[in-house]
Every structure is written in C-alpha cells, then in structure tokens.
Amino acid sequence: MRVAEKPLSAYPWYLRPFLWNQRRRYGQALKTALLWARSPLVFMAVTLLYGALDRRASPLSPVLRSLVTVRVSQLNWCRFCIDLNSMTLAARAGSMRKADQLTAWRDSDAFTDADHAALEYTEAMTCSDCNVTDESMAVLRRHFDDDAIVELTGLVTGAARWQSC
C-alpha cells in the first residue's frame, strides 16, 4: 500500500468493530479495509456494495460469485486476495478443485458452460487489452438474464476496486 497506515484507534469508532473483526478472523485488519477506511463514507459505500453483491438472494450462485472474485484477484496479481478468496471459493464449492484449476479454466472440465461465459466476461472487463464483444455477450445471455449480468458486472468491478493491494 502506498498510503500510510494509521493505528486502529485512529479510525472512526463505528468502523473499528469491522476492523477488529478482521483482525480476529484473519490475524490482521486487511490492508484494503484500512485504505478505504481512511474515507469513512467511501468505506461504508464499498462495504454496502459488496454486501449487496454477495447477498443470498443474488441471481448469481455463491460459487460463481467466489469464482469471479478469485479470477479478478488473479488478474490483479493480489496474492493475499487470491488466498483469501480461494478459501471462500473452496468452502462454497466443497473442494479446492475449481480454485486450483482457475488459471487454466479454458482447458479444465471443472467448470460449467455458465462458468466459462462468466469467466470470459470477467477477463474481458478486467484486462486492459481485452474487450467485451457482442459475441461474448450473446454467450453470456445464454446462461444469465439481464439482472444477473448487471450483478456480474457489479461484482467484477467491485472486486477490482476493493482489491487495492
């Protein structure tokens, strides 16, 4: 992180429980949370966005949401985020198979056609040398309705923004 860290006691009282919970759960407050918490309004907005995208009623399955988040972490070279999000993916998927094979998802039989469509879209949105094409949108629409595509878009962009490592 290129912004100086502050001690937890320097953050607003209403953010400290969230940061303390991270210390309890992960052994430290996450650097991205400490960065966003420097601007409490932004922190709260990002937290609400992430909570909305990762809710039970999402049109995207929990496994797919985690799969996309791990892939964004890989594309952004955030090792900590890869580890953290891979553990969530493994818990949701019931094994490490998808997490272990994600870098070679195109050649793996661990992923469904819907996974392939979502991962293709994720990479097109995340990589600066890629574009979302009409063809990729047509493939995506075979598996997801417009509401799910909006949520997938929010998840990809939200994951990229939250991972400020």
Protein backbone atom coordinates (compact mmCIF):
# COMPACT_ATOMS: atom_id res chain seq x y z
CA MET A 1 0.00 0.00 0.00
CA ARG A 2 1.36 3.41 -0.87
CA VAL A 3 -0.74 5.31 1.65
CA ALA A 4 0.47 5.35 5.23
CA GLU A 5 -1.36 3.13 7.67
CA LYS A 6 -2.90 4.50 10.84
CA PRO A 7 -3.40 2.65 14.12
CA LEU A 8 -6.88 1.15 14.51
CA SER A 9 -7.63 3.66 17.26
CA ALA A 10 -7.29 6.49 14.71
CA TYR A 11 -10.29 5.30 12.68
CA PRO A 12 -13.86 6.40 13.49
CA TRP A 13 -15.47 4.42 16.30
CA TYR A 14 -18.14 2.96 14.01
CA LEU A 15 -15.52 1.38 11.71
CA ARG A 16 -13.35 -0.11 14.46
CA PRO A 17 -15.59 -3.15 15.14
CA PHE A 18 -15.35 -4.11 11.47
CA LEU A 19 -11.54 -3.76 11.52
CA TRP A 20 -11.24 -5.60 14.87
CA ASN A 21 -13.35 -8.44 13.43
CA GLN A 22 -10.92 -8.71 10.53
CA ARG A 23 -8.02 -8.93 13.00
CA ARG A 24 -9.82 -11.70 14.83
CA ARG A 25 -10.72 -13.57 11.63
CA TYR A 26 -7.56 -13.06 9.53
CA GLY A 27 -4.94 -12.15 12.13
CA GLN A 28 -4.81 -8.55 10.88
CA ALA A 29 -7.05 -5.82 9.57
CA LEU A 30 -6.95 -6.15 5.79
CA LYS A 31 -4.85 -3.52 4.05
CA THR A 32 -7.65 -2.74 1.61
CA ALA A 33 -10.05 -2.12 4.50
CA LEU A 34 -7.53 0.16 6.19
CA LEU A 35 -7.09 2.07 2.96
CA TRP A 36 -10.82 2.52 2.31
CA ALA A 37 -11.44 3.32 5.98
CA ARG A 38 -9.37 6.49 5.64
CA SER A 39 -12.50 7.82 3.93
CA PRO A 40 -15.36 6.51 6.11
CA LEU A 41 -18.12 7.46 3.66
CA VAL A 42 -16.35 5.64 0.82
CA PHE A 43 -15.65 2.69 3.14
CA MET A 44 -19.32 2.38 4.05
CA ALA A 45 -20.40 2.67 0.41
CA VAL A 46 -17.94 -0.01 -0.74
CA THR A 47 -18.97 -2.27 2.14
CA LEU A 48 -22.65 -1.84 1.29
CA LEU A 49 -21.95 -2.53 -2.40
CA TYR A 50 -20.02 -5.70 -1.60
CA GLY A 51 -22.72 -6.83 0.83
CA ALA A 52 -25.41 -6.25 -1.80
CA LEU A 53 -23.48 -8.24 -4.39
CA ASP A 54 -22.79 -11.14 -2.02
CA ARG A 55 -26.31 -11.50 -0.65
CA ARG A 56 -28.25 -14.76 -0.55
CA ALA A 57 -30.91 -13.54 -2.97
CA SER A 58 -28.38 -12.74 -5.71
CA PRO A 59 -29.20 -14.25 -9.12
CA LEU A 60 -25.57 -15.47 -9.16
CA SER A 61 -24.72 -18.57 -7.16
CA PRO A 62 -22.31 -18.22 -4.23
CA VAL A 63 -19.80 -20.47 -6.01
CA LEU A 64 -19.90 -18.36 -9.17
CA ARG A 65 -19.53 -15.14 -7.16
CA SER A 66 -16.45 -16.54 -5.45
CA LEU A 67 -15.08 -17.90 -8.72
CA VAL A 68 -15.28 -14.48 -10.32
CA THR A 69 -13.75 -12.79 -7.28
CA VAL A 70 -10.78 -15.18 -7.28
CA ARG A 71 -10.25 -14.67 -11.02
CA VAL A 72 -10.23 -10.89 -10.60
CA SER A 73 -7.71 -11.33 -7.77
CA GLN A 74 -5.50 -13.43 -10.06
CA LEU A 75 -5.72 -10.91 -12.89
CA ASN A 76 -4.81 -8.10 -10.48
CA TRP A 77 -1.89 -10.07 -9.01
CA CYS A 78 -3.11 -9.68 -5.44
CA ARG A 79 -1.68 -12.74 -3.69
CA PHE A 80 -3.40 -12.08 -0.39
CA CYS A 81 -6.75 -11.64 -2.15
CA ILE A 82 -6.18 -14.83 -4.15
CA ASP A 83 -5.55 -16.80 -0.95
CA LEU A 84 -8.44 -15.28 0.96
CA ASN A 85 -10.96 -15.55 -1.89
CA SER A 86 -9.79 -19.07 -2.83
CA MET A 87 -10.60 -20.25 0.68
CA THR A 88 -14.09 -18.81 0.35
CA LEU A 89 -14.45 -20.47 -3.06
CA ALA A 90 -13.29 -23.82 -1.67
CA ALA A 91 -15.75 -23.57 1.22
CA ARG A 92 -18.61 -22.73 -1.13
CA ALA A 93 -17.67 -25.32 -3.78
CA GLY A 94 -16.84 -28.06 -1.28
CA SER A 95 -13.28 -28.55 -2.54
CA MET A 96 -10.21 -26.72 -3.86
CA ARG A 97 -10.65 -28.15 -7.39
CA LYS A 98 -12.02 -25.00 -9.03
CA ALA A 99 -9.59 -22.73 -7.18
CA ASP A 100 -6.65 -24.93 -8.18
CA GLN A 101 -7.65 -25.05 -11.84
CA LEU A 102 -8.82 -21.47 -12.26
CA THR A 103 -5.74 -20.11 -14.04
CA ALA A 104 -6.33 -22.73 -16.77
CA TRP A 105 -10.13 -22.58 -16.72
CA ARG A 106 -10.45 -22.76 -20.51
CA ASP A 107 -8.83 -26.21 -20.56
CA SER A 108 -10.41 -27.62 -17.40
CA ASP A 109 -13.51 -29.78 -17.10
CA ALA A 110 -14.09 -28.40 -13.59
CA PHE A 111 -16.13 -25.51 -14.95
CA THR A 112 -19.63 -25.39 -16.41
CA ASP A 113 -20.59 -23.58 -19.60
CA ALA A 114 -22.08 -20.83 -17.41
CA ASP A 115 -18.77 -20.59 -15.51
CA HIS A 116 -16.93 -20.26 -18.84
CA ALA A 117 -19.24 -17.48 -20.00
CA ALA A 118 -18.87 -15.59 -16.72
CA LEU A 119 -15.08 -16.02 -16.65
CA GLU A 120 -14.74 -14.88 -20.26
CA TYR A 121 -16.76 -11.77 -19.39
CA THR A 122 -14.72 -11.25 -16.20
CA GLU A 123 -11.46 -11.30 -18.11
CA ALA A 124 -12.80 -9.04 -20.87
CA MET A 125 -13.82 -6.48 -18.25
CA THR A 126 -10.67 -6.74 -16.15
CA CYS A 127 -7.83 -7.00 -18.67
CA SER A 128 -6.90 -3.73 -20.35
CA ASP A 129 -6.07 -5.49 -23.62
CA CYS A 130 -9.50 -7.17 -23.89
CA ASN A 131 -12.97 -6.00 -24.80
CA VAL A 132 -16.47 -7.25 -24.16
CA THR A 133 -17.70 -8.25 -27.61
CA ASP A 134 -21.20 -8.76 -28.95
CA GLU A 135 -20.33 -12.44 -29.30
CA SER A 136 -19.28 -12.78 -25.67
CA MET A 137 -22.47 -11.01 -24.58
CA ALA A 138 -24.54 -13.43 -26.64
CA VAL A 139 -22.82 -16.37 -24.93
CA LEU A 140 -23.33 -14.73 -21.54
CA ARG A 141 -27.06 -14.24 -22.26
CA ARG A 142 -27.46 -17.98 -22.88
CA HIS A 143 -26.76 -18.52 -19.20
CA PHE A 144 -27.77 -15.30 -17.43
CA ASP A 145 -30.65 -12.85 -17.65
CA ASP A 146 -30.09 -9.10 -17.73
CA ASP A 147 -30.42 -8.75 -13.95
CA ALA A 148 -27.74 -11.39 -13.39
CA ILE A 149 -25.46 -9.70 -15.96
CA VAL A 150 -25.83 -6.39 -14.12
CA GLU A 151 -24.88 -8.12 -10.85
CA LEU A 152 -21.96 -9.90 -12.53
CA THR A 153 -20.75 -6.55 -13.88
CA GLY A 154 -21.01 -5.01 -10.42
CA LEU A 155 -19.19 -7.96 -8.89
CA VAL A 156 -16.29 -7.75 -11.36
CA THR A 157 -15.88 -4.00 -11.00
CA GLY A 158 -16.44 -4.12 -7.23
CA ALA A 159 -13.85 -6.87 -6.77
CA ALA A 160 -11.34 -4.93 -8.83
CA ARG A 161 -11.91 -1.78 -6.79
CA TRP A 162 -11.93 -3.47 -3.38
CA GLN A 163 -8.56 -5.14 -4.07
CA SER A 164 -6.28 -2.18 -3.69
CA CYS A 165 -3.21 -4.18 -2.70
